[in-house]
Amino acid sequence: MKLAPATPELAVRDLQAALAYYVDQLGFATAWHNEDGRIAGISHGDCAIFLRETDAPVCPVTIWIFTENVDAAHGALVAAGADIAEPLENRPWGLRQFTVRDRDGHLIHFHHDL
């Protein structure tokens, strides 16, 4: 059995606002958008995420995204105004990483192996 990369689905309170944040601050592109279904797909390279609007309380989750050049990613996201929740650092578990918080409290760890 061969598996493709997983595609997380993040619950969001306001789909339009979430799309704007992921596109404008995180550099993703809108791959598709179903307004009636209140769901959209965003992508950046091989990374894909689904955003689904909900009326229920959002329980933030954490996702990890590997990047070839974490320093360049950090610089680009800082320049774009992303909410950097944890600074770019070498971590004792063997990763160089930083963390972004989105509008709904989801945490995204961008990382590269040391």
C-alpha atoms as a PDB file:
ATOM      1  CA  MET A   1       0.000   0.000   0.000  1.00  0.00           C
ATOM      2  CA  LYS A   2       1.310   3.455  -0.908  1.00  0.00           C
ATOM      3  CA  LEU A   3      -0.150   6.497   0.838  1.00  0.00           C
ATOM      4  CA  ALA A   4      -0.160  10.121  -0.266  1.00  0.00           C
ATOM      5  CA  PRO A   5       0.415  12.983   2.198  1.00  0.00           C
ATOM      6  CA  ALA A   6      -2.523  13.496   4.553  1.00  0.00           C
ATOM      7  CA  THR A   7      -4.749  16.538   4.048  1.00  0.00           C
ATOM      8  CA  PRO A   8      -5.897  18.029   7.356  1.00  0.00           C
ATOM      9  CA  GLU A   9      -9.298  19.704   7.606  1.00  0.00           C
ATOM     10  CA  LEU A  10      -9.376  22.708   9.915  1.00  0.00           C
ATOM     11  CA  ALA A  11     -12.611  24.002  11.398  1.00  0.00           C
ATOM     12  CA  VAL A  12     -12.918  27.777  11.058  1.00  0.00           C
ATOM     13  CA  ARG A  13     -15.510  30.299  12.247  1.00  0.00           C
ATOM     14  CA  ASP A  14     -15.378  32.491   9.125  1.00  0.00           C
ATOM     15  CA  LEU A  15     -14.304  30.815   5.890  1.00  0.00           C
ATOM     16  CA  GLN A  16     -13.712  34.044   3.969  1.00  0.00           C
ATOM     17  CA  ALA A  17     -11.525  35.466   6.743  1.00  0.00           C
ATOM     18  CA  ALA A  18      -9.603  32.179   7.054  1.00  0.00           C
ATOM     19  CA  LEU A  19      -9.012  32.065   3.298  1.00  0.00           C
ATOM     20  CA  ALA A  20      -7.751  35.642   3.337  1.00  0.00           C
ATOM     21  CA  TYR A  21      -5.305  34.858   6.168  1.00  0.00           C
ATOM     22  CA  TYR A  22      -3.946  31.687   4.579  1.00  0.00           C
ATOM     23  CA  VAL A  23      -3.555  33.382   1.193  1.00  0.00           C
ATOM     24  CA  ASP A  24      -2.334  36.833   2.267  1.00  0.00           C
ATOM     25  CA  GLN A  25      -0.256  36.003   5.348  1.00  0.00           C
ATOM     26  CA  LEU A  26       0.812  32.391   4.755  1.00  0.00           C
ATOM     27  CA  GLY A  27       1.234  32.358   0.972  1.00  0.00           C
ATOM     28  CA  PHE A  28      -1.248  29.603   0.134  1.00  0.00           C
ATOM     29  CA  ALA A  29      -3.427  29.663  -2.989  1.00  0.00           C
ATOM     30  CA  THR A  30      -7.120  28.826  -3.058  1.00  0.00           C
ATOM     31  CA  ALA A  31      -7.355  25.537  -4.970  1.00  0.00           C
ATOM     32  CA  TRP A  32     -11.165  25.346  -4.828  1.00  0.00           C
ATOM     33  CA  HIS A  33     -14.054  26.866  -2.888  1.00  0.00           C
ATOM     34  CA  ASN A  34     -17.569  25.506  -2.367  1.00  0.00           C
ATOM     35  CA  GLU A  35     -19.597  28.337  -0.857  1.00  0.00           C
ATOM     36  CA  ASP A  36     -22.743  26.223  -0.367  1.00  0.00           C
ATOM     37  CA  GLY A  37     -20.743  23.552   1.435  1.00  0.00           C
ATOM     38  CA  ARG A  38     -18.807  26.196   3.411  1.00  0.00           C
ATOM     39  CA  ILE A  39     -15.545  24.452   2.592  1.00  0.00           C
ATOM     40  CA  ALA A  40     -12.429  25.317   0.601  1.00  0.00           C
ATOM     41  CA  GLY A  41      -9.119  23.746  -0.295  1.00  0.00           C
ATOM     42  CA  ILE A  42      -5.861  25.661  -0.170  1.00  0.00           C
ATOM     43  CA  SER A  43      -2.444  24.584  -1.343  1.00  0.00           C
ATOM     44  CA  HIS A  44       1.189  25.594  -1.350  1.00  0.00           C
ATOM     45  CA  GLY A  45       3.455  23.271  -3.324  1.00  0.00           C
ATOM     46  CA  ASP A  46       2.625  19.711  -2.240  1.00  0.00           C
ATOM     47  CA  CYS A  47       0.939  20.905   0.962  1.00  0.00           C
ATOM     48  CA  ALA A  48      -2.875  20.939   0.959  1.00  0.00           C
ATOM     49  CA  ILE A  49      -5.313  21.924   3.705  1.00  0.00           C
ATOM     50  CA  PHE A  50      -9.111  21.954   3.766  1.00  0.00           C
ATOM     51  CA  LEU A  51     -10.881  24.755   5.644  1.00  0.00           C
ATOM     52  CA  ARG A  52     -14.477  24.089   6.723  1.00  0.00           C
ATOM     53  CA  GLU A  53     -16.669  26.770   8.263  1.00  0.00           C
ATOM     54  CA  THR A  54     -18.592  25.682  11.335  1.00  0.00           C
ATOM     55  CA  ASP A  55     -21.118  27.222  13.689  1.00  0.00           C
ATOM     56  CA  ALA A  56     -19.878  25.007  16.531  1.00  0.00           C
ATOM     57  CA  PRO A  57     -17.031  26.070  18.804  1.00  0.00           C
ATOM     58  CA  VAL A  58     -13.647  25.567  17.128  1.00  0.00           C
ATOM     59  CA  CYS A  59     -11.240  23.270  18.940  1.00  0.00           C
ATOM     60  CA  PRO A  60      -7.769  24.333  17.768  1.00  0.00           C
ATOM     61  CA  VAL A  61      -5.451  21.637  16.439  1.00  0.00           C
ATOM     62  CA  THR A  62      -1.760  21.472  15.633  1.00  0.00           C
ATOM     63  CA  ILE A  63      -0.314  20.539  12.249  1.00  0.00           C
ATOM     64  CA  TRP A  64       3.287  20.166  11.132  1.00  0.00           C
ATOM     65  CA  ILE A  65       4.533  21.337   7.730  1.00  0.00           C
ATOM     66  CA  PHE A  66       8.002  20.417   6.489  1.00  0.00           C
ATOM     67  CA  THR A  67       9.840  23.041   4.446  1.00  0.00           C
ATOM     68  CA  GLU A  68      13.178  22.781   2.642  1.00  0.00           C
ATOM     69  CA  ASN A  69      14.288  26.220   3.894  1.00  0.00           C
ATOM     70  CA  VAL A  70      12.693  27.039   7.228  1.00  0.00           C
ATOM     71  CA  ASP A  71      14.699  30.255   7.589  1.00  0.00           C
ATOM     72  CA  ALA A  72      13.380  31.610   4.273  1.00  0.00           C
ATOM     73  CA  ALA A  73       9.836  30.498   5.164  1.00  0.00           C
ATOM     74  CA  HIS A  74      10.094  32.297   8.493  1.00  0.00           C
ATOM     75  CA  GLY A  75      11.340  35.488   6.852  1.00  0.00           C
ATOM     76  CA  ALA A  76       8.565  35.435   4.263  1.00  0.00           C
ATOM     77  CA  LEU A  77       5.817  34.839   6.824  1.00  0.00           C
ATOM     78  CA  VAL A  78       7.126  37.523   9.183  1.00  0.00           C
ATOM     79  CA  ALA A  79       7.226  39.983   6.275  1.00  0.00           C
ATOM     80  CA  ALA A  80       3.638  39.046   5.325  1.00  0.00           C
ATOM     81  CA  GLY A  81       2.382  39.697   8.863  1.00  0.00           C
ATOM     82  CA  ALA A  82       1.725  36.128  10.002  1.00  0.00           C
ATOM     83  CA  ASP A  83       1.061  35.640  13.723  1.00  0.00           C
ATOM     84  CA  ILE A  84       4.321  34.017  14.871  1.00  0.00           C
ATOM     85  CA  ALA A  85       3.404  32.163  18.051  1.00  0.00           C
ATOM     86  CA  GLU A  86       6.829  30.580  18.700  1.00  0.00           C
ATOM     87  CA  PRO A  87      10.149  31.908  17.360  1.00  0.00           C
ATOM     88  CA  LEU A  88      12.453  30.230  14.881  1.00  0.00           C
ATOM     89  CA  GLU A  89      14.808  28.037  16.921  1.00  0.00           C
ATOM     90  CA  ASN A  90      16.732  24.793  16.868  1.00  0.00           C
ATOM     91  CA  ARG A  91      14.783  22.405  19.075  1.00  0.00           C
ATOM     92  CA  PRO A  92      16.259  19.631  21.228  1.00  0.00           C
ATOM     93  CA  TRP A  93      14.192  17.042  19.318  1.00  0.00           C
ATOM     94  CA  GLY A  94      16.270  17.620  16.168  1.00  0.00           C
ATOM     95  CA  LEU A  95      14.193  20.182  14.288  1.00  0.00           C
ATOM     96  CA  ARG A  96      14.644  23.819  13.365  1.00  0.00           C
ATOM     97  CA  GLN A  97      11.137  25.215  13.595  1.00  0.00           C
ATOM     98  CA  PHE A  98       8.782  28.091  14.251  1.00  0.00           C
ATOM     99  CA  THR A  99       5.065  28.197  14.902  1.00  0.00           C
ATOM    100  CA  VAL A 100       2.278  30.269  13.386  1.00  0.00           C
ATOM    101  CA  ARG A 101      -1.167  30.730  14.964  1.00  0.00           C
ATOM    102  CA  ASP A 102      -4.106  31.254  12.610  1.00  0.00           C
ATOM    103  CA  ARG A 103      -7.264  33.299  13.265  1.00  0.00           C
ATOM    104  CA  ASP A 104      -9.005  30.315  14.895  1.00  0.00           C
ATOM    105  CA  GLY A 105      -6.146  29.330  17.180  1.00  0.00           C
ATOM    106  CA  HIS A 106      -4.804  26.439  15.086  1.00  0.00           C
ATOM    107  CA  LEU A 107      -1.035  26.064  15.440  1.00  0.00           C
ATOM    108  CA  ILE A 108       1.134  25.352  12.431  1.00  0.00           C
ATOM    109  CA  HIS A 109       4.705  24.228  13.063  1.00  0.00           C
ATOM    110  CA  PHE A 110       6.951  24.891  10.070  1.00  0.00           C
ATOM    111  CA  HIS A 111      10.062  22.766  10.400  1.00  0.00           C
ATOM    112  CA  HIS A 112      13.192  21.294   8.880  1.00  0.00           C
ATOM    113  CA  ASP A 113      15.441  18.542  10.187  1.00  0.00           C
ATOM    114  CA  LEU A 114      18.733  19.628  11.757  1.00  0.00           C
END
